[in-house]
N, C-alpha and C. Protein backbone atom coordinates (compact mmCIF):
# COMPACT_ATOMS: atom_id res chain seq x y z
N MET A 1 0.60 -5.18 -16.16
CA MET A 1 0.98 -5.63 -14.82
C MET A 1 0.01 -6.76 -14.37
N GLN A 2 0.65 -7.80 -13.79
CA GLN A 2 -0.15 -8.88 -13.21
C GLN A 2 -0.83 -8.38 -11.96
N LEU A 3 -1.93 -9.06 -11.61
CA LEU A 3 -2.59 -8.73 -10.37
C LEU A 3 -1.62 -9.06 -9.20
N LEU A 4 -1.61 -8.20 -8.22
CA LEU A 4 -0.79 -8.38 -7.01
C LEU A 4 -1.65 -9.10 -6.00
N THR A 5 -1.49 -10.37 -5.82
CA THR A 5 -2.29 -11.16 -4.90
C THR A 5 -1.42 -11.93 -3.95
N GLY A 6 -2.04 -12.50 -2.93
CA GLY A 6 -1.34 -13.33 -1.95
C GLY A 6 -1.11 -12.61 -0.66
N VAL A 7 -0.84 -13.39 0.36
CA VAL A 7 -0.51 -12.88 1.69
C VAL A 7 0.85 -13.50 2.03
N TYR A 8 1.80 -12.62 2.35
CA TYR A 8 3.18 -13.07 2.57
C TYR A 8 3.72 -12.56 3.91
N ASN A 9 4.47 -13.44 4.58
CA ASN A 9 5.25 -13.01 5.75
C ASN A 9 6.52 -12.46 5.21
N ALA A 10 6.94 -11.33 5.74
CA ALA A 10 8.20 -10.70 5.33
C ALA A 10 8.88 -10.15 6.59
N ARG A 11 10.09 -9.66 6.37
CA ARG A 11 10.86 -9.13 7.53
C ARG A 11 11.52 -7.84 7.18
N PHE A 12 11.53 -6.93 8.16
CA PHE A 12 12.37 -5.72 8.09
C PHE A 12 13.72 -6.14 8.71
N ASP A 13 14.80 -5.80 8.00
CA ASP A 13 16.11 -6.07 8.63
C ASP A 13 16.49 -4.88 9.52
N ASP A 14 17.65 -4.90 10.10
CA ASP A 14 18.05 -3.88 11.06
C ASP A 14 18.29 -2.51 10.43
N LYS A 15 18.29 -2.45 9.10
CA LYS A 15 18.44 -1.15 8.42
C LYS A 15 17.11 -0.66 7.84
N GLY A 16 16.03 -1.35 8.19
CA GLY A 16 14.70 -0.88 7.72
C GLY A 16 14.37 -1.31 6.33
N ARG A 17 15.11 -2.30 5.82
CA ARG A 17 14.85 -2.80 4.44
C ARG A 17 13.89 -3.97 4.53
N LEU A 18 12.93 -3.95 3.67
CA LEU A 18 11.90 -4.97 3.63
C LEU A 18 12.09 -5.82 2.38
N SER A 19 12.24 -7.14 2.58
CA SER A 19 12.42 -8.03 1.42
C SER A 19 11.11 -8.34 0.79
N LEU A 20 11.04 -8.11 -0.51
CA LEU A 20 9.80 -8.46 -1.28
C LEU A 20 9.89 -9.85 -1.80
N PRO A 21 8.88 -10.69 -1.60
CA PRO A 21 8.91 -12.02 -2.17
C PRO A 21 9.07 -11.98 -3.68
N SER A 22 9.76 -12.98 -4.21
CA SER A 22 10.06 -12.99 -5.65
C SER A 22 8.75 -12.94 -6.50
N ARG A 23 7.71 -13.56 -6.06
CA ARG A 23 6.47 -13.53 -6.85
C ARG A 23 5.94 -12.11 -6.94
N LEU A 24 6.01 -11.34 -5.87
CA LEU A 24 5.59 -9.95 -5.94
C LEU A 24 6.51 -9.10 -6.81
N ARG A 25 7.80 -9.36 -6.71
CA ARG A 25 8.75 -8.59 -7.53
C ARG A 25 8.47 -8.83 -9.01
N THR A 26 8.18 -10.11 -9.34
CA THR A 26 7.86 -10.43 -10.74
C THR A 26 6.61 -9.75 -11.18
N ALA A 27 5.58 -9.80 -10.34
CA ALA A 27 4.26 -9.17 -10.67
C ALA A 27 4.35 -7.68 -10.80
N LEU A 28 5.22 -7.05 -9.98
CA LEU A 28 5.39 -5.60 -10.04
C LEU A 28 6.12 -5.21 -11.30
N SER A 29 7.01 -6.07 -11.79
CA SER A 29 7.77 -5.84 -13.01
C SER A 29 8.30 -4.39 -13.07
N SER A 30 8.88 -3.93 -12.01
CA SER A 30 9.37 -2.55 -11.91
C SER A 30 10.60 -2.53 -11.04
N GLU A 31 11.49 -1.59 -11.27
CA GLU A 31 12.64 -1.42 -10.43
C GLU A 31 12.40 -0.41 -9.32
N THR A 32 11.25 0.23 -9.37
CA THR A 32 10.89 1.25 -8.41
C THR A 32 9.42 1.05 -8.01
N VAL A 33 9.13 1.32 -6.76
CA VAL A 33 7.73 1.24 -6.29
C VAL A 33 7.40 2.59 -5.66
N VAL A 34 6.12 2.86 -5.56
CA VAL A 34 5.65 4.04 -4.84
C VAL A 34 5.04 3.56 -3.53
N VAL A 35 5.49 4.12 -2.44
CA VAL A 35 4.97 3.78 -1.12
C VAL A 35 4.22 4.98 -0.57
N LEU A 36 2.97 4.68 -0.11
CA LEU A 36 2.12 5.77 0.37
C LEU A 36 1.23 5.26 1.50
N PRO A 37 0.57 6.12 2.23
CA PRO A 37 -0.29 5.67 3.33
C PRO A 37 -1.44 4.81 2.81
N GLY A 38 -1.81 3.79 3.60
CA GLY A 38 -2.91 2.94 3.26
C GLY A 38 -4.24 3.63 3.45
N LEU A 39 -5.25 3.10 2.83
CA LEU A 39 -6.56 3.67 2.86
C LEU A 39 -7.43 3.26 4.05
N ASP A 40 -7.16 2.08 4.60
CA ASP A 40 -8.06 1.52 5.63
C ASP A 40 -7.46 1.43 7.02
N GLY A 41 -6.41 2.12 7.25
CA GLY A 41 -5.92 1.99 8.64
C GLY A 41 -4.44 2.17 8.71
N ASN A 42 -3.90 1.57 9.71
CA ASN A 42 -2.50 1.77 10.07
C ASN A 42 -1.57 0.90 9.26
N HIS A 43 -1.43 1.17 7.98
CA HIS A 43 -0.55 0.38 7.11
C HIS A 43 -0.09 1.28 5.96
N LEU A 44 0.87 0.77 5.17
CA LEU A 44 1.33 1.44 3.96
C LEU A 44 0.87 0.63 2.76
N MET A 45 0.86 1.29 1.60
CA MET A 45 0.62 0.62 0.33
C MET A 45 1.80 0.82 -0.58
N LEU A 46 2.05 -0.17 -1.43
CA LEU A 46 3.03 0.08 -2.47
C LEU A 46 2.42 -0.34 -3.82
N MET A 47 2.81 0.39 -4.83
CA MET A 47 2.28 0.11 -6.18
C MET A 47 3.33 0.56 -7.21
N THR A 48 3.15 0.19 -8.44
CA THR A 48 4.06 0.60 -9.43
C THR A 48 3.91 2.10 -9.70
N PRO A 49 4.97 2.75 -10.15
CA PRO A 49 4.85 4.19 -10.50
C PRO A 49 3.79 4.43 -11.59
N GLU A 50 3.70 3.51 -12.56
CA GLU A 50 2.72 3.67 -13.64
C GLU A 50 1.31 3.68 -13.09
N TYR A 51 1.00 2.73 -12.23
CA TYR A 51 -0.33 2.64 -11.66
C TYR A 51 -0.63 3.85 -10.79
N PHE A 52 0.31 4.22 -9.99
CA PHE A 52 0.16 5.38 -9.08
C PHE A 52 -0.14 6.65 -9.90
N GLU A 53 0.59 6.87 -10.94
CA GLU A 53 0.48 8.10 -11.71
C GLU A 53 -0.77 8.13 -12.58
N LYS A 54 -1.10 7.01 -13.23
CA LYS A 54 -2.20 7.03 -14.20
C LYS A 54 -3.56 6.67 -13.58
N GLU A 55 -3.57 5.60 -12.82
CA GLU A 55 -4.87 5.07 -12.30
C GLU A 55 -5.23 5.59 -10.93
N PHE A 56 -4.24 5.72 -10.06
CA PHE A 56 -4.52 6.06 -8.68
C PHE A 56 -4.63 7.57 -8.46
N SER A 57 -3.56 8.28 -8.71
CA SER A 57 -3.58 9.75 -8.47
C SER A 57 -4.22 10.51 -9.63
N GLY A 58 -4.28 9.90 -10.83
CA GLY A 58 -4.88 10.59 -11.96
C GLY A 58 -6.29 11.10 -11.73
N PRO A 59 -7.21 10.21 -11.24
CA PRO A 59 -8.55 10.70 -10.97
C PRO A 59 -8.63 11.81 -9.91
N ILE A 60 -7.76 11.77 -8.94
CA ILE A 60 -7.77 12.77 -7.90
C ILE A 60 -7.31 14.11 -8.48
N LEU A 61 -6.32 14.05 -9.34
CA LEU A 61 -5.71 15.28 -9.91
C LEU A 61 -6.27 15.56 -11.32
N SER A 62 -7.38 14.98 -11.68
CA SER A 62 -7.87 15.00 -13.03
C SER A 62 -8.14 16.39 -13.61
N SER A 63 -8.46 17.31 -12.77
CA SER A 63 -8.79 18.63 -13.22
C SER A 63 -7.68 19.59 -12.82
N PRO A 64 -7.32 20.52 -13.72
CA PRO A 64 -6.37 21.55 -13.33
C PRO A 64 -6.85 22.39 -12.15
N MET A 65 -8.16 22.36 -11.90
CA MET A 65 -8.74 23.15 -10.82
C MET A 65 -8.96 22.28 -9.59
N ALA A 66 -8.36 21.10 -9.51
CA ALA A 66 -8.56 20.23 -8.36
C ALA A 66 -8.19 20.89 -7.05
N MET A 67 -7.26 21.79 -7.08
CA MET A 67 -6.85 22.47 -5.85
C MET A 67 -7.94 23.41 -5.29
N LEU A 68 -8.93 23.69 -6.09
CA LEU A 68 -10.04 24.56 -5.60
C LEU A 68 -11.07 23.81 -4.77
N ASP A 69 -11.03 22.49 -4.84
CA ASP A 69 -11.95 21.65 -4.11
C ASP A 69 -11.33 21.25 -2.78
N LYS A 70 -11.95 21.63 -1.69
CA LYS A 70 -11.38 21.43 -0.32
C LYS A 70 -11.09 19.94 -0.06
N LYS A 71 -12.03 19.04 -0.35
CA LYS A 71 -11.81 17.64 -0.10
C LYS A 71 -10.67 17.08 -0.91
N LYS A 72 -10.55 17.52 -2.13
CA LYS A 72 -9.42 17.04 -2.99
C LYS A 72 -8.10 17.55 -2.44
N ARG A 73 -8.07 18.80 -1.96
CA ARG A 73 -6.81 19.33 -1.37
C ARG A 73 -6.38 18.52 -0.19
N ILE A 74 -7.35 18.18 0.64
CA ILE A 74 -7.02 17.38 1.85
C ILE A 74 -6.57 15.99 1.44
N LEU A 75 -7.26 15.37 0.51
CA LEU A 75 -6.85 14.05 0.01
C LEU A 75 -5.46 14.08 -0.61
N ILE A 76 -5.17 15.11 -1.38
CA ILE A 76 -3.84 15.26 -1.95
C ILE A 76 -2.81 15.34 -0.88
N ARG A 77 -3.02 16.12 0.14
CA ARG A 77 -2.08 16.32 1.25
C ARG A 77 -1.89 15.02 2.04
N LYS A 78 -2.95 14.26 2.24
CA LYS A 78 -2.86 13.08 3.09
C LYS A 78 -2.43 11.82 2.34
N LEU A 79 -2.61 11.81 1.01
CA LEU A 79 -2.37 10.59 0.28
C LEU A 79 -1.32 10.75 -0.81
N ILE A 80 -1.41 11.78 -1.65
CA ILE A 80 -0.49 11.94 -2.75
C ILE A 80 0.81 12.57 -2.27
N SER A 81 0.76 13.60 -1.49
CA SER A 81 1.98 14.28 -1.01
C SER A 81 2.95 13.37 -0.29
N PRO A 82 2.52 12.49 0.63
CA PRO A 82 3.51 11.65 1.31
C PRO A 82 4.05 10.48 0.49
N ALA A 83 3.54 10.28 -0.71
CA ALA A 83 3.99 9.15 -1.54
C ALA A 83 5.46 9.34 -1.85
N GLN A 84 6.18 8.20 -1.79
CA GLN A 84 7.63 8.21 -2.08
C GLN A 84 7.96 7.19 -3.13
N TYR A 85 8.82 7.55 -4.04
CA TYR A 85 9.34 6.58 -5.01
C TYR A 85 10.56 5.93 -4.39
N ILE A 86 10.53 4.59 -4.28
CA ILE A 86 11.58 3.86 -3.62
C ILE A 86 12.13 2.78 -4.57
N ASP A 87 13.42 2.76 -4.77
CA ASP A 87 14.03 1.77 -5.66
C ASP A 87 14.07 0.38 -4.93
N ILE A 88 13.86 -0.63 -5.74
CA ILE A 88 14.06 -2.01 -5.25
C ILE A 88 15.51 -2.35 -5.53
N ASP A 89 16.22 -2.72 -4.43
CA ASP A 89 17.68 -3.01 -4.62
C ASP A 89 17.90 -4.36 -5.30
N SER A 90 19.16 -4.66 -5.57
CA SER A 90 19.50 -5.87 -6.32
C SER A 90 19.15 -7.13 -5.55
N SER A 91 18.88 -7.05 -4.27
CA SER A 91 18.46 -8.19 -3.47
C SER A 91 16.97 -8.26 -3.29
N GLY A 92 16.21 -7.38 -3.95
CA GLY A 92 14.73 -7.41 -3.89
C GLY A 92 14.21 -6.75 -2.65
N ARG A 93 14.93 -5.78 -2.08
CA ARG A 93 14.49 -5.10 -0.88
C ARG A 93 14.15 -3.64 -1.17
N ILE A 94 13.24 -3.11 -0.34
CA ILE A 94 12.94 -1.68 -0.34
C ILE A 94 13.28 -1.13 1.02
N ASN A 95 13.75 0.09 1.07
CA ASN A 95 14.12 0.72 2.33
C ASN A 95 13.02 1.73 2.69
N ILE A 96 12.21 1.39 3.68
CA ILE A 96 11.16 2.27 4.12
C ILE A 96 11.68 3.11 5.28
N PRO A 97 11.65 4.42 5.12
CA PRO A 97 12.19 5.28 6.19
C PRO A 97 11.61 5.03 7.57
N LEU A 98 12.44 5.24 8.59
CA LEU A 98 12.06 4.96 9.97
C LEU A 98 10.82 5.73 10.37
N LYS A 99 10.72 7.00 9.94
CA LYS A 99 9.52 7.78 10.33
C LYS A 99 8.23 7.16 9.81
N ASP A 100 8.27 6.58 8.63
CA ASP A 100 7.10 5.91 8.08
C ASP A 100 6.80 4.58 8.81
N ARG A 101 7.86 3.85 9.12
CA ARG A 101 7.66 2.59 9.86
C ARG A 101 7.01 2.92 11.20
N GLU A 102 7.50 3.94 11.88
CA GLU A 102 6.96 4.32 13.19
C GLU A 102 5.53 4.86 13.06
N ALA A 103 5.23 5.67 12.07
CA ALA A 103 3.91 6.29 11.91
C ALA A 103 2.85 5.23 11.60
N PHE A 104 3.22 4.11 11.00
CA PHE A 104 2.25 3.11 10.59
C PHE A 104 2.45 1.79 11.35
N SER A 105 2.97 1.91 12.60
CA SER A 105 3.11 0.75 13.52
C SER A 105 3.83 -0.43 12.94
N LEU A 106 4.78 -0.16 12.04
CA LEU A 106 5.59 -1.23 11.47
C LEU A 106 6.85 -1.37 12.31
N PRO A 107 7.36 -2.57 12.41
CA PRO A 107 8.57 -2.75 13.26
C PRO A 107 9.80 -2.12 12.67
N ASN A 108 10.68 -1.67 13.56
CA ASN A 108 11.98 -1.20 13.07
C ASN A 108 12.82 -2.37 12.57
N LYS A 109 12.59 -3.52 13.14
CA LYS A 109 13.21 -4.76 12.70
C LYS A 109 12.25 -5.88 13.11
N GLY A 110 11.95 -6.76 12.18
CA GLY A 110 11.08 -7.88 12.50
C GLY A 110 10.01 -8.11 11.46
N GLU A 111 8.95 -8.78 11.94
CA GLU A 111 7.94 -9.28 11.04
C GLU A 111 7.05 -8.22 10.44
N ALA A 112 6.67 -8.42 9.20
CA ALA A 112 5.66 -7.61 8.50
C ALA A 112 4.79 -8.56 7.70
N LEU A 113 3.64 -8.10 7.34
CA LEU A 113 2.73 -8.91 6.50
C LEU A 113 2.47 -8.11 5.23
N LEU A 114 2.65 -8.78 4.09
CA LEU A 114 2.38 -8.15 2.78
C LEU A 114 1.10 -8.74 2.23
N VAL A 115 0.17 -7.92 1.88
CA VAL A 115 -1.17 -8.35 1.43
C VAL A 115 -1.41 -7.79 0.03
N GLY A 116 -1.47 -8.69 -0.95
CA GLY A 116 -1.76 -8.23 -2.34
C GLY A 116 -3.23 -7.94 -2.44
N THR A 117 -3.52 -6.73 -3.00
CA THR A 117 -4.96 -6.34 -3.16
C THR A 117 -5.32 -6.12 -4.59
N GLY A 118 -4.58 -6.72 -5.50
CA GLY A 118 -4.87 -6.60 -6.92
C GLY A 118 -4.07 -5.51 -7.57
N TYR A 119 -4.30 -4.26 -7.12
CA TYR A 119 -3.64 -3.11 -7.71
C TYR A 119 -2.45 -2.65 -6.91
N ALA A 120 -2.35 -3.10 -5.64
CA ALA A 120 -1.31 -2.66 -4.73
C ALA A 120 -0.97 -3.78 -3.77
N VAL A 121 0.08 -3.53 -2.98
CA VAL A 121 0.45 -4.44 -1.89
C VAL A 121 0.39 -3.61 -0.63
N GLU A 122 -0.36 -4.09 0.34
CA GLU A 122 -0.42 -3.40 1.64
C GLU A 122 0.66 -4.00 2.54
N ILE A 123 1.29 -3.13 3.34
CA ILE A 123 2.32 -3.56 4.28
C ILE A 123 1.80 -3.31 5.68
N TRP A 124 1.60 -4.35 6.43
CA TRP A 124 0.97 -4.30 7.75
C TRP A 124 1.90 -4.84 8.80
N ASN A 125 1.71 -4.36 10.04
CA ASN A 125 2.19 -5.01 11.23
C ASN A 125 1.23 -6.21 11.38
N PRO A 126 1.75 -7.47 11.53
CA PRO A 126 0.82 -8.59 11.60
C PRO A 126 -0.25 -8.52 12.68
N ASP A 127 0.10 -7.96 13.84
CA ASP A 127 -0.88 -7.86 14.92
C ASP A 127 -1.98 -6.82 14.58
N VAL A 128 -1.63 -5.76 13.97
CA VAL A 128 -2.61 -4.71 13.56
C VAL A 128 -3.51 -5.30 12.51
N TYR A 129 -2.94 -6.07 11.55
CA TYR A 129 -3.74 -6.65 10.45
C TYR A 129 -4.74 -7.63 11.05
N GLU A 130 -4.31 -8.48 11.99
CA GLU A 130 -5.19 -9.44 12.59
C GLU A 130 -6.42 -8.80 13.24
N ALA A 131 -6.16 -7.71 13.96
CA ALA A 131 -7.26 -6.99 14.63
C ALA A 131 -8.16 -6.36 13.59
N PHE A 132 -7.61 -5.79 12.54
CA PHE A 132 -8.40 -5.15 11.47
C PHE A 132 -9.28 -6.17 10.78
N GLU A 133 -8.71 -7.32 10.45
CA GLU A 133 -9.44 -8.37 9.73
C GLU A 133 -10.60 -8.95 10.56
N ALA A 134 -10.47 -8.92 11.86
CA ALA A 134 -11.51 -9.47 12.72
C ALA A 134 -12.77 -8.68 12.70
N ASP A 135 -12.72 -7.47 12.18
CA ASP A 135 -13.90 -6.57 12.20
C ASP A 135 -14.98 -6.93 11.17
N GLU A 136 -14.66 -7.56 10.09
CA GLU A 136 -15.62 -7.82 9.04
C GLU A 136 -15.53 -9.29 8.58
N SER A 137 -16.67 -9.87 8.28
CA SER A 137 -16.66 -11.23 7.75
C SER A 137 -16.83 -11.13 6.24
N ILE A 138 -16.33 -12.13 5.54
CA ILE A 138 -16.46 -12.19 4.08
C ILE A 138 -17.93 -12.19 3.70
N ALA A 139 -18.75 -12.94 4.44
CA ALA A 139 -20.18 -13.04 4.11
C ALA A 139 -20.86 -11.65 4.21
N ASP A 140 -20.55 -10.90 5.24
CA ASP A 140 -21.13 -9.58 5.41
C ASP A 140 -20.69 -8.64 4.28
N LEU A 141 -19.43 -8.70 3.95
CA LEU A 141 -18.92 -7.83 2.86
C LEU A 141 -19.58 -8.20 1.53
N ALA A 142 -19.66 -9.50 1.25
CA ALA A 142 -20.30 -9.96 0.00
C ALA A 142 -21.75 -9.53 -0.04
N GLN A 143 -22.46 -9.66 1.07
CA GLN A 143 -23.85 -9.28 1.13
C GLN A 143 -24.02 -7.80 0.87
N SER A 144 -23.14 -6.97 1.40
CA SER A 144 -23.27 -5.51 1.17
C SER A 144 -23.01 -5.20 -0.31
N LEU A 145 -22.16 -5.92 -0.97
CA LEU A 145 -21.94 -5.69 -2.42
C LEU A 145 -23.19 -6.09 -3.19
N TYR A 146 -23.81 -7.20 -2.80
CA TYR A 146 -24.99 -7.70 -3.48
C TYR A 146 -26.12 -6.65 -3.32
N GLU A 147 -26.27 -6.12 -2.11
CA GLU A 147 -27.34 -5.13 -1.86
C GLU A 147 -27.13 -3.86 -2.62
N GLU A 148 -25.88 -3.48 -2.87
CA GLU A 148 -25.61 -2.27 -3.67
C GLU A 148 -26.10 -2.41 -5.09
N LYS A 149 -26.06 -3.65 -5.65
CA LYS A 149 -26.45 -3.87 -7.04
C LYS A 149 -27.97 -3.80 -7.23
N GLU A 150 -28.72 -3.96 -6.22
CA GLU A 150 -30.18 -4.00 -6.33
C GLU A 150 -30.76 -2.61 -6.46
């Protein structure tokens, strides 16, 4: 799988279908995506089923005894359980259920922002994303990574 990069303006139509840009569809190289809650706030993530099953959920579910760990149980309920497999239609759209659009401040019809993060694509309400991005500067984030290495 190619890295999923770029920031794209997209739209939800009146039926809740989100058009994926052709570059992202090509990079995903899949007819189905997995949509799940985002890790950093009020957004959704989408990724290929292969990545979701092997790389993302695999470490969380790595042990047959994972259910005995309280934090893993909570993580499974909040992240793995709500994940949905959604087909990409012949026009390159995915249909995100209304309850998910409402829960993550996404419009029922209108603008959305797709943000490639390498392994996944985040789906944001543009206003929510702008406020989220204002919280951290690139320089501060880079500095914190540098300090972790020392």
